[in-house]
Amino acid sequence: GIVSAESVYNSINEDTTLVTLMYANNEIGAINPITEIA
């Protein structure tokens, strides 16, 4: 249930203005690597 920083980086394009990703999931508790993603 985790999003990788690499997938975020690869998804950003010349029209991107906002990235919104949860720190920890409310259902399964998965913790995203927010520092790496930022």
Full PDB file with SEQRES, HELIX, SHEET, SSBOND, CRYST1, ORIGX, SCALE, CONECT and MASTER records, all heavy atoms in Angstrom:
SEQRES   1 A   38  GLY ILE VAL SER ALA GLU SER VAL TYR ASN SER ILE ASN          
SEQRES   2 A   38  GLU ASP THR THR LEU VAL THR LEU MET TYR ALA ASN ASN          
SEQRES   3 A   38  GLU ILE GLY ALA ILE ASN PRO ILE THR GLU ILE ALA              
HELIX    1 AA1 ALA A    5  SER A   11  1                                   7    
HELIX    2 AA2 ILE A   34  ILE A   37  1                                   4    
CRYST1    1.000    1.000    1.000  90.00  90.00  90.00 P 1           1          
ORIGX1      1.000000  0.000000  0.000000        0.00000                         
ORIGX2      0.000000  1.000000  0.000000        0.00000                         
ORIGX3      0.000000  0.000000  1.000000        0.00000                         
SCALE1      1.000000  0.000000  0.000000        0.00000                         
SCALE2      0.000000  1.000000  0.000000        0.00000                         
SCALE3      0.000000  0.000000  1.000000        0.00000                         
ATOM      1  N   GLY A   1       0.791  -1.223   0.000  1.00  0.00           N  
ATOM      2  CA  GLY A   1       0.000   0.000   0.000  1.00  0.00           C  
ATOM      3  C   GLY A   1       0.821   1.268   0.000  1.00  0.00           C  
ATOM      4  O   GLY A   1       0.320   2.338   0.379  1.00  0.00           O  
ATOM      5  N   ILE A   2       2.068   1.190  -0.449  1.00  0.00           N  
ATOM      6  CA  ILE A   2       2.994   2.327  -0.379  1.00  0.00           C  
ATOM      7  C   ILE A   2       3.279   2.882  -1.770  1.00  0.00           C  
ATOM      8  O   ILE A   2       3.421   2.137  -2.743  1.00  0.00           O  
ATOM      9  CB  ILE A   2       4.300   1.897   0.319  1.00  0.00           C  
ATOM     10  CG1 ILE A   2       4.003   1.550   1.788  1.00  0.00           C  
ATOM     11  CG2 ILE A   2       5.370   2.981   0.228  1.00  0.00           C  
ATOM     12  CD1 ILE A   2       5.165   0.950   2.533  1.00  0.00           C  
ATOM     13  N   VAL A   3       3.377   4.210  -1.842  1.00  0.00           N  
ATOM     14  CA  VAL A   3       3.728   4.907  -3.073  1.00  0.00           C  
ATOM     15  C   VAL A   3       5.235   5.182  -3.058  1.00  0.00           C  
ATOM     16  O   VAL A   3       5.774   5.632  -2.049  1.00  0.00           O  
ATOM     17  CB  VAL A   3       2.977   6.251  -3.188  1.00  0.00           C  
ATOM     18  CG1 VAL A   3       3.391   6.998  -4.448  1.00  0.00           C  
ATOM     19  CG2 VAL A   3       1.468   6.022  -3.169  1.00  0.00           C  
ATOM     20  N   SER A   4       5.902   4.912  -4.154  1.00  0.00           N  
ATOM     21  CA  SER A   4       7.343   5.134  -4.210  1.00  0.00           C  
ATOM     22  C   SER A   4       7.662   6.546  -4.681  1.00  0.00           C  
ATOM     23  O   SER A   4       6.922   7.139  -5.474  1.00  0.00           O  
ATOM     24  CB  SER A   4       8.012   4.123  -5.147  1.00  0.00           C  
ATOM     25  OG  SER A   4       7.701   4.404  -6.501  1.00  0.00           O  
ATOM     26  N   ALA A   5       8.785   7.077  -4.182  1.00  0.00           N  
ATOM     27  CA  ALA A   5       9.231   8.401  -4.620  1.00  0.00           C  
ATOM     28  C   ALA A   5       9.539   8.402  -6.111  1.00  0.00           C  
ATOM     29  O   ALA A   5       9.308   9.393  -6.815  1.00  0.00           O  
ATOM     30  CB  ALA A   5      10.460   8.821  -3.820  1.00  0.00           C  
ATOM     31  N   GLU A   6      10.034   7.264  -6.613  1.00  0.00           N  
ATOM     32  CA  GLU A   6      10.363   7.161  -8.035  1.00  0.00           C  
ATOM     33  C   GLU A   6       9.126   7.318  -8.907  1.00  0.00           C  
ATOM     34  O   GLU A   6       9.163   8.003  -9.936  1.00  0.00           O  
ATOM     35  CB  GLU A   6      11.025   5.807  -8.319  1.00  0.00           C  
ATOM     36  CG  GLU A   6      11.432   5.613  -9.776  1.00  0.00           C  
ATOM     37  CD  GLU A   6      12.060   4.252 -10.030  1.00  0.00           C  
ATOM     38  OE1 GLU A   6      12.017   3.394  -9.124  1.00  0.00           O  
ATOM     39  OE2 GLU A   6      12.585   4.036 -11.144  1.00  0.00           O  
ATOM     40  N   SER A   7       8.011   6.686  -8.489  1.00  0.00           N  
ATOM     41  CA  SER A   7       6.787   6.796  -9.289  1.00  0.00           C  
ATOM     42  C   SER A   7       6.255   8.220  -9.302  1.00  0.00           C  
ATOM     43  O   SER A   7       5.711   8.685 -10.307  1.00  0.00           O  
ATOM     44  CB  SER A   7       5.720   5.828  -8.760  1.00  0.00           C  
ATOM     45  OG  SER A   7       5.248   6.225  -7.480  1.00  0.00           O  
ATOM     46  N   VAL A   8       6.429   8.934  -8.185  1.00  0.00           N  
ATOM     47  CA  VAL A   8       6.006  10.330  -8.125  1.00  0.00           C  
ATOM     48  C   VAL A   8       6.862  11.166  -9.074  1.00  0.00           C  
ATOM     49  O   VAL A   8       6.346  11.950  -9.880  1.00  0.00           O  
ATOM     50  CB  VAL A   8       6.107  10.876  -6.687  1.00  0.00           C  
ATOM     51  CG1 VAL A   8       5.770  12.371  -6.659  1.00  0.00           C  
ATOM     52  CG2 VAL A   8       5.163  10.114  -5.766  1.00  0.00           C  
ATOM     53  N   TYR A   9       8.164  10.988  -8.985  1.00  0.00           N  
ATOM     54  CA  TYR A   9       9.101  11.733  -9.837  1.00  0.00           C  
ATOM     55  C   TYR A   9       8.774  11.524 -11.312  1.00  0.00           C  
ATOM     56  O   TYR A   9       8.712  12.480 -12.098  1.00  0.00           O  
ATOM     57  CB  TYR A   9      10.527  11.279  -9.543  1.00  0.00           C  
ATOM     58  CG  TYR A   9      11.585  11.914 -10.415  1.00  0.00           C  
ATOM     59  CD1 TYR A   9      12.213  13.101 -10.033  1.00  0.00           C  
ATOM     60  CD2 TYR A   9      11.961  11.328 -11.623  1.00  0.00           C  
ATOM     61  CE1 TYR A   9      13.177  13.687 -10.835  1.00  0.00           C  
ATOM     62  CE2 TYR A   9      12.922  11.908 -12.439  1.00  0.00           C  
ATOM     63  CZ  TYR A   9      13.528  13.084 -12.035  1.00  0.00           C  
ATOM     64  OH  TYR A   9      14.478  13.666 -12.839  1.00  0.00           O  
ATOM     65  N   ASN A  10       8.536  10.262 -11.689  1.00  0.00           N  
ATOM     66  CA  ASN A  10       8.281   9.939 -13.094  1.00  0.00           C  
ATOM     67  C   ASN A  10       6.932  10.448 -13.588  1.00  0.00           C  
ATOM     68  O   ASN A  10       6.723  10.575 -14.797  1.00  0.00           O  
ATOM     69  CB  ASN A  10       8.365   8.425 -13.304  1.00  0.00           C  
ATOM     70  CG  ASN A  10       9.781   7.895 -13.153  1.00  0.00           C  
ATOM     71  OD1 ASN A  10      10.750   8.633 -13.369  1.00  0.00           O  
ATOM     72  ND2 ASN A  10       9.911   6.630 -12.775  1.00  0.00           N  
ATOM     73  N   SER A  11       6.023  10.744 -12.670  1.00  0.00           N  
ATOM     74  CA  SER A  11       4.685  11.200 -13.059  1.00  0.00           C  
ATOM     75  C   SER A  11       4.585  12.714 -13.201  1.00  0.00           C  
ATOM     76  O   SER A  11       3.615  13.226 -13.760  1.00  0.00           O  
ATOM     77  CB  SER A  11       3.650  10.722 -12.025  1.00  0.00           C  
ATOM     78  OG  SER A  11       3.594   9.310 -11.975  1.00  0.00           O  
ATOM     79  N   ILE A  12       5.572  13.423 -12.695  1.00  0.00           N  
ATOM     80  CA  ILE A  12       5.546  14.887 -12.780  1.00  0.00           C  
ATOM     81  C   ILE A  12       5.888  15.328 -14.197  1.00  0.00           C  
ATOM     82  O   ILE A  12       6.858  14.859 -14.789  1.00  0.00           O  
ATOM     83  CB  ILE A  12       6.542  15.500 -11.770  1.00  0.00           C  
ATOM     84  CG1 ILE A  12       6.092  15.191 -10.337  1.00  0.00           C  
ATOM     85  CG2 ILE A  12       6.662  17.008 -11.974  1.00  0.00           C  
ATOM     86  CD1 ILE A  12       7.090  15.606  -9.274  1.00  0.00           C  
ATOM     87  N   ASN A  13       5.078  16.228 -14.724  1.00  0.00           N  
ATOM     88  CA  ASN A  13       5.333  16.751 -16.066  1.00  0.00           C  
ATOM     89  C   ASN A  13       5.312  18.275 -16.061  1.00  0.00           C  
ATOM     90  O   ASN A  13       5.225  18.906 -15.003  1.00  0.00           O  
ATOM     91  CB  ASN A  13       4.329  16.179 -17.077  1.00  0.00           C  
ATOM     92  CG  ASN A  13       2.883  16.532 -16.727  1.00  0.00           C  
ATOM     93  OD1 ASN A  13       2.579  17.660 -16.338  1.00  0.00           O  
ATOM     94  ND2 ASN A  13       1.984  15.556 -16.880  1.00  0.00           N  
ATOM     95  N   GLU A  14       5.393  18.860 -17.221  1.00  0.00           N  
ATOM     96  CA  GLU A  14       5.493  20.320 -17.334  1.00  0.00           C  
ATOM     97  C   GLU A  14       4.185  21.037 -17.017  1.00  0.00           C  
ATOM     98  O   GLU A  14       4.125  22.270 -17.055  1.00  0.00           O  
ATOM     99  CB  GLU A  14       5.969  20.699 -18.740  1.00  0.00           C  
ATOM    100  CG  GLU A  14       7.395  20.249 -19.022  1.00  0.00           C  
ATOM    101  CD  GLU A  14       7.871  20.664 -20.403  1.00  0.00           C  
ATOM    102  OE1 GLU A  14       7.034  21.145 -21.192  1.00  0.00           O  
ATOM    103  OE2 GLU A  14       9.079  20.514 -20.672  1.00  0.00           O  
ATOM    104  N   ASP A  15       3.146  20.288 -16.686  1.00  0.00           N  
ATOM    105  CA  ASP A  15       1.857  20.887 -16.328  1.00  0.00           C  
ATOM    106  C   ASP A  15       1.513  20.652 -14.852  1.00  0.00           C  
ATOM    107  O   ASP A  15       0.488  21.120 -14.371  1.00  0.00           O  
ATOM    108  CB  ASP A  15       0.765  20.286 -17.226  1.00  0.00           C  
ATOM    109  CG  ASP A  15      -0.486  21.152 -17.308  1.00  0.00           C  
ATOM    110  OD1 ASP A  15      -0.344  22.389 -17.372  1.00  0.00           O  
ATOM    111  OD2 ASP A  15      -1.596  20.581 -17.299  1.00  0.00           O  
ATOM    112  N   THR A  16       2.366  19.930 -14.127  1.00  0.00           N  
ATOM    113  CA  THR A  16       2.079  19.561 -12.738  1.00  0.00           C  
ATOM    114  C   THR A  16       2.224  20.762 -11.804  1.00  0.00           C  
ATOM    115  O   THR A  16       3.201  21.503 -11.872  1.00  0.00           O  
ATOM    116  CB  THR A  16       3.023  18.434 -12.267  1.00  0.00           C  
ATOM    117  OG1 THR A  16       2.942  17.331 -13.168  1.00  0.00           O  
ATOM    118  CG2 THR A  16       2.647  17.974 -10.864  1.00  0.00           C  
ATOM    119  N   THR A  17       1.245  20.927 -10.919  1.00  0.00           N  
ATOM    120  CA  THR A  17       1.307  22.014  -9.935  1.00  0.00           C  
ATOM    121  C   THR A  17       1.173  21.514  -8.496  1.00  0.00           C  
ATOM    122  O   THR A  17       1.554  22.223  -7.563  1.00  0.00           O  
ATOM    123  CB  THR A  17       0.179  23.030 -10.174  1.00  0.00           C  
ATOM    124  OG1 THR A  17      -1.091  22.347 -10.156  1.00  0.00           O  
ATOM    125  CG2 THR A  17       0.368  23.743 -11.504  1.00  0.00           C  
ATOM    126  N   LEU A  18       0.625  20.321  -8.297  1.00  0.00           N  
ATOM    127  CA  LEU A  18       0.337  19.851  -6.936  1.00  0.00           C  
ATOM    128  C   LEU A  18       0.517  18.342  -6.833  1.00  0.00           C  
ATOM    129  O   LEU A  18       0.076  17.594  -7.707  1.00  0.00           O  
ATOM    130  CB  LEU A  18      -1.103  20.221  -6.551  1.00  0.00           C  
ATOM    131  CG  LEU A  18      -1.659  19.651  -5.237  1.00  0.00           C  
ATOM    132  CD1 LEU A  18      -0.908  20.224  -4.036  1.00  0.00           C  
ATOM    133  CD2 LEU A  18      -3.155  19.943  -5.112  1.00  0.00           C  
ATOM    134  N   VAL A  19       1.163  17.907  -5.742  1.00  0.00           N  
ATOM    135  CA  VAL A  19       1.245  16.495  -5.372  1.00  0.00           C  
ATOM    136  C   VAL A  19       0.637  16.371  -3.980  1.00  0.00           C  
ATOM    137  O   VAL A  19       1.047  17.078  -3.054  1.00  0.00           O  
ATOM    138  CB  VAL A  19       2.701  15.984  -5.355  1.00  0.00           C  
ATOM    139  CG1 VAL A  19       2.745  14.544  -4.859  1.00  0.00           C  
ATOM    140  CG2 VAL A  19       3.324  16.100  -6.737  1.00  0.00           C  
ATOM    141  N   THR A  20      -0.361  15.516  -3.819  1.00  0.00           N  
ATOM    142  CA  THR A  20      -0.999  15.315  -2.521  1.00  0.00           C  
ATOM    143  C   THR A  20      -1.039  13.823  -2.208  1.00  0.00           C  
ATOM    144  O   THR A  20      -1.735  13.049  -2.883  1.00  0.00           O  
ATOM    145  CB  THR A  20      -2.411  15.934  -2.469  1.00  0.00           C  
ATOM    146  OG1 THR A  20      -3.047  15.571  -1.231  1.00  0.00           O  
ATOM    147  CG2 THR A  20      -3.281  15.511  -3.640  1.00  0.00           C  
ATOM    148  N   LEU A  21      -0.278  13.408  -1.197  1.00  0.00           N  
ATOM    149  CA  LEU A  21      -0.157  12.007  -0.811  1.00  0.00           C  
ATOM    150  C   LEU A  21      -0.201  11.877   0.708  1.00  0.00           C  
ATOM    151  O   LEU A  21       0.420  12.658   1.419  1.00  0.00           O  
ATOM    152  CB  LEU A  21       1.150  11.407  -1.339  1.00  0.00           C  
ATOM    153  CG  LEU A  21       1.273  11.297  -2.857  1.00  0.00           C  
ATOM    154  CD1 LEU A  21       2.709  10.999  -3.254  1.00  0.00           C  
ATOM    155  CD2 LEU A  21       0.338  10.203  -3.382  1.00  0.00           C  
ATOM    156  N   MET A  22      -0.914  10.873   1.196  1.00  0.00           N  
ATOM    157  CA  MET A  22      -1.070  10.707   2.631  1.00  0.00           C  
ATOM    158  C   MET A  22       0.230  10.218   3.277  1.00  0.00           C  
ATOM    159  O   MET A  22       1.024   9.501   2.678  1.00  0.00           O  
ATOM    160  CB  MET A  22      -2.220   9.738   2.943  1.00  0.00           C  
ATOM    161  CG  MET A  22      -2.030   8.354   2.382  1.00  0.00           C  
ATOM    162  SD  MET A  22      -3.464   7.229   2.543  1.00  0.00           S  
ATOM    163  CE  MET A  22      -4.727   8.126   3.353  1.00  0.00           C  
ATOM    164  N   TYR A  23       0.416  10.623   4.515  1.00  0.00           N  
ATOM    165  CA  TYR A  23       1.571  10.210   5.312  1.00  0.00           C  
ATOM    166  C   TYR A  23       1.389   8.758   5.748  1.00  0.00           C  
ATOM    167  O   TYR A  23       2.314   7.943   5.627  1.00  0.00           O  
ATOM    168  CB  TYR A  23       1.669  11.145   6.524  1.00  0.00           C  
ATOM    169  CG  TYR A  23       2.960  11.142   7.298  1.00  0.00           C  
ATOM    170  CD1 TYR A  23       3.156  12.085   8.306  1.00  0.00           C  
ATOM    171  CD2 TYR A  23       3.990  10.238   7.059  1.00  0.00           C  
ATOM    172  CE1 TYR A  23       4.327  12.134   9.039  1.00  0.00           C  
ATOM    173  CE2 TYR A  23       5.168  10.280   7.791  1.00  0.00           C  
ATOM    174  CZ  TYR A  23       5.323  11.232   8.792  1.00  0.00           C  
ATOM    175  OH  TYR A  23       6.484  11.276   9.525  1.00  0.00           O  
ATOM    176  N   ALA A  24       0.204   8.434   6.261  1.00  0.00           N  
ATOM    177  CA  ALA A  24      -0.101   7.069   6.702  1.00  0.00           C  
ATOM    178  C   ALA A  24      -1.548   6.750   6.357  1.00  0.00           C  
ATOM    179  O   ALA A  24      -2.436   7.595   6.527  1.00  0.00           O  
ATOM    180  CB  ALA A  24       0.131   6.911   8.194  1.00  0.00           C  
ATOM    181  N   ASN A  25      -1.782   5.520   5.898  1.00  0.00           N  
ATOM    182  CA  ASN A  25      -3.105   5.145   5.412  1.00  0.00           C  
ATOM    183  C   ASN A  25      -4.057   4.830   6.558  1.00  0.00           C  
ATOM    184  O   ASN A  25      -3.697   4.145   7.525  1.00  0.00           O  
ATOM    185  CB  ASN A  25      -2.989   3.936   4.476  1.00  0.00           C  
ATOM    186  CG  ASN A  25      -4.296   3.609   3.797  1.00  0.00           C  
ATOM    187  OD1 ASN A  25      -5.092   2.829   4.299  1.00  0.00           O  
ATOM    188  ND2 ASN A  25      -4.537   4.221   2.643  1.00  0.00           N  
ATOM    189  N   ASN A  26      -5.291   5.281   6.439  1.00  0.00           N  
ATOM    190  CA  ASN A  26      -6.282   5.103   7.492  1.00  0.00           C  
ATOM    191  C   ASN A  26      -6.824   3.686   7.585  1.00  0.00           C  
ATOM    192  O   ASN A  26      -7.322   3.274   8.632  1.00  0.00           O  
ATOM    193  CB  ASN A  26      -7.441   6.082   7.297  1.00  0.00           C  
ATOM    194  CG  ASN A  26      -8.059   5.988   5.918  1.00  0.00           C  
ATOM    195  OD1 ASN A  26      -7.377   6.201   4.916  1.00  0.00           O  
ATOM    196  ND2 ASN A  26      -9.344   5.684   5.848  1.00  0.00           N  
ATOM    197  N   GLU A  27      -6.729   2.895   6.524  1.00  0.00           N  
ATOM    198  CA  GLU A  27      -7.277   1.541   6.554  1.00  0.00           C  
ATOM    199  C   GLU A  27      -6.236   0.487   6.908  1.00  0.00           C  
ATOM    200  O   GLU A  27      -6.483  -0.385   7.734  1.00  0.00           O  
ATOM    201  CB  GLU A  27      -7.927   1.195   5.214  1.00  0.00           C  
ATOM    202  CG  GLU A  27      -9.221   1.939   4.961  1.00  0.00           C  
ATOM    203  CD  GLU A  27     -10.021   1.336   3.814  1.00  0.00           C  
ATOM    204  OE1 GLU A  27      -9.898   0.122   3.566  1.00  0.00           O  
ATOM    205  OE2 GLU A  27     -10.758   2.091   3.168  1.00  0.00           O  
ATOM    206  N   ILE A  28      -5.068   0.548   6.275  1.00  0.00           N  
ATOM    207  CA  ILE A  28      -4.068  -0.505   6.483  1.00  0.00           C  
ATOM    208  C   ILE A  28      -2.800   0.004   7.164  1.00  0.00           C  
ATOM    209  O   ILE A  28      -1.864  -0.769   7.378  1.00  0.00           O  
ATOM    210  CB  ILE A  28      -3.698  -1.196   5.155  1.00  0.00           C  
ATOM    211  CG1 ILE A  28      -3.127  -0.174   4.160  1.00  0.00           C  
ATOM    212  CG2 ILE A  28      -4.921  -1.910   4.574  1.00  0.00           C  
ATOM    213  CD1 ILE A  28      -2.582  -0.813   2.893  1.00  0.00           C  
ATOM    214  N   GLY A  29      -2.748   1.277   7.510  1.00  0.00           N  
ATOM    215  CA  GLY A  29      -1.630   1.800   8.274  1.00  0.00           C  
ATOM    216  C   GLY A  29      -0.325   1.958   7.520  1.00  0.00           C  
ATOM    217  O   GLY A  29       0.719   2.231   8.138  1.00  0.00           O  
ATOM    218  N   ALA A  30      -0.345   1.795   6.200  1.00  0.00           N  
ATOM    219  CA  ALA A  30       0.889   1.900   5.413  1.00  0.00           C  
ATOM    220  C   ALA A  30       1.472   3.308   5.515  1.00  0.00           C  
ATOM    221  O   ALA A  30       0.756   4.299   5.358  1.00  0.00           O  
ATOM    222  CB  ALA A  30       0.607   1.551   3.958  1.00  0.00           C  
ATOM    223  N   ILE A  31       2.784   3.390   5.775  1.00  0.00           N  
ATOM    224  CA  ILE A  31       3.468   4.666   5.937  1.00  0.00           C  
ATOM    225  C   ILE A  31       4.240   4.988   4.664  1.00  0.00           C  
ATOM    226  O   ILE A  31       5.140   4.248   4.268  1.00  0.00           O  
ATOM    227  CB  ILE A  31       4.429   4.628   7.140  1.00  0.00           C  
ATOM    228  CG1 ILE A  31       3.663   4.297   8.428  1.00  0.00           C  
ATOM    229  CG2 ILE A  31       5.163   5.965   7.286  1.00  0.00           C  
ATOM    230  CD1 ILE A  31       4.562   4.030   9.623  1.00  0.00           C  
ATOM    231  N   ASN A  32       3.882   6.096   4.042  1.00  0.00           N  
ATOM    232  CA  ASN A  32       4.577   6.519   2.825  1.00  0.00           C  
ATOM    233  C   ASN A  32       5.896   7.222   3.167  1.00  0.00           C  
ATOM    234  O   ASN A  32       5.988   7.911   4.186  1.00  0.00           O  
ATOM    235  CB  ASN A  32       3.706   7.478   2.011  1.00  0.00           C  
ATOM    236  CG  ASN A  32       2.709   6.763   1.125  1.00  0.00           C  
ATOM    237  OD1 ASN A  32       3.020   5.728   0.540  1.00  0.00           O  
ATOM    238  ND2 ASN A  32       1.508   7.305   1.024  1.00  0.00           N  
ATOM    239  N   PRO A  33       6.904   7.090   2.313  1.00  0.00           N  
ATOM    240  CA  PRO A  33       8.184   7.786   2.528  1.00  0.00           C  
ATOM    241  C   PRO A  33       8.072   9.259   2.132  1.00  0.00           C  
ATOM    242  O   PRO A  33       8.623   9.693   1.111  1.00  0.00           O  
ATOM    243  CB  PRO A  33       9.136   7.011   1.614  1.00  0.00           C  
ATOM    244  CG  PRO A  33       8.271   6.542   0.480  1.00  0.00           C  
ATOM    245  CD  PRO A  33       6.926   6.238   1.102  1.00  0.00           C  
ATOM    246  N   ILE A  34       7.359  10.030   2.935  1.00  0.00           N  
ATOM    247  CA  ILE A  34       7.022  11.403   2.563  1.00  0.00           C  
ATOM    248  C   ILE A  34       8.263  12.276   2.384  1.00  0.00           C  
ATOM    249  O   ILE A  34       8.316  13.105   1.466  1.00  0.00           O  
ATOM    250  CB  ILE A  34       6.065  12.029   3.603  1.00  0.00           C  
ATOM    251  CG1 ILE A  34       4.694  11.337   3.538  1.00  0.00           C  
ATOM    252  CG2 ILE A  34       5.900  13.529   3.367  1.00  0.00           C  
ATOM    253  CD1 ILE A  34       3.992  11.474   2.192  1.00  0.00           C  
ATOM    254  N   THR A  35       9.257  12.086   3.215  1.00  0.00           N  
ATOM    255  CA  THR A  35      10.482  12.883   3.070  1.00  0.00           C  
ATOM    256  C   THR A  35      11.133  12.631   1.720  1.00  0.00           C  
ATOM    257  O   THR A  35      11.548  13.573   1.021  1.00  0.00           O  
ATOM    258  CB  THR A  35      11.471  12.565   4.208  1.00  0.00           C  
ATOM    259  OG1 THR A  35      10.858  12.859   5.468  1.00  0.00           O  
ATOM    260  CG2 THR A  35      12.741  13.390   4.070  1.00  0.00           C  
ATOM    261  N   GLU A  36      11.221  11.359   1.322  1.00  0.00           N  
ATOM    262  CA  GLU A  36      11.804  11.017   0.020  1.00  0.00           C  
ATOM    263  C   GLU A  36      10.941  11.547  -1.124  1.00  0.00           C  
ATOM    264  O   GLU A  36      11.463  12.043  -2.137  1.00  0.00           O  
ATOM    265  CB  GLU A  36      11.959   9.507  -0.102  1.00  0.00           C  
ATOM    266  CG  GLU A  36      12.955   8.892   0.866  1.00  0.00           C  
ATOM    267  CD  GLU A  36      13.009   7.385   0.725  1.00  0.00           C  
ATOM    268  OE1 GLU A  36      12.602   6.857  -0.332  1.00  0.00           O  
ATOM    269  OE2 GLU A  36      13.447   6.718   1.686  1.00  0.00           O  
ATOM    270  N   ILE A  37       9.638  11.433  -0.964  1.00  0.00           N  
ATOM    271  CA  ILE A  37       8.724  11.914  -2.006  1.00  0.00           C  
ATOM    272  C   ILE A  37       8.841  13.431  -2.158  1.00  0.00           C  
ATOM    273  O   ILE A  37       8.905  13.955  -3.272  1.00  0.00           O  
ATOM    274  CB  ILE A  37       7.274  11.496  -1.678  1.00  0.00           C  
ATOM    275  CG1 ILE A  37       7.116   9.983  -1.834  1.00  0.00           C  
ATOM    276  CG2 ILE A  37       6.282  12.238  -2.576  1.00  0.00           C  
ATOM    277  CD1 ILE A  37       5.785   9.442  -1.339  1.00  0.00           C  
ATOM    278  N   ALA A  38       8.888  14.147  -1.036  1.00  0.00           N  
ATOM    279  CA  ALA A  38       9.012  15.604  -1.087  1.00  0.00           C  
ATOM    280  C   ALA A  38      10.324  16.023  -1.752  1.00  0.00           C  
ATOM    281  O   ALA A  38      10.355  17.001  -2.518  1.00  0.00           O  
ATOM    282  CB  ALA A  38       8.920  16.186   0.325  1.00  0.00           C  
TER     283      ALA A  38                                                      
MASTER        0    0    0    2    0    0    0    6  282    1    0    3          
END                                                                             
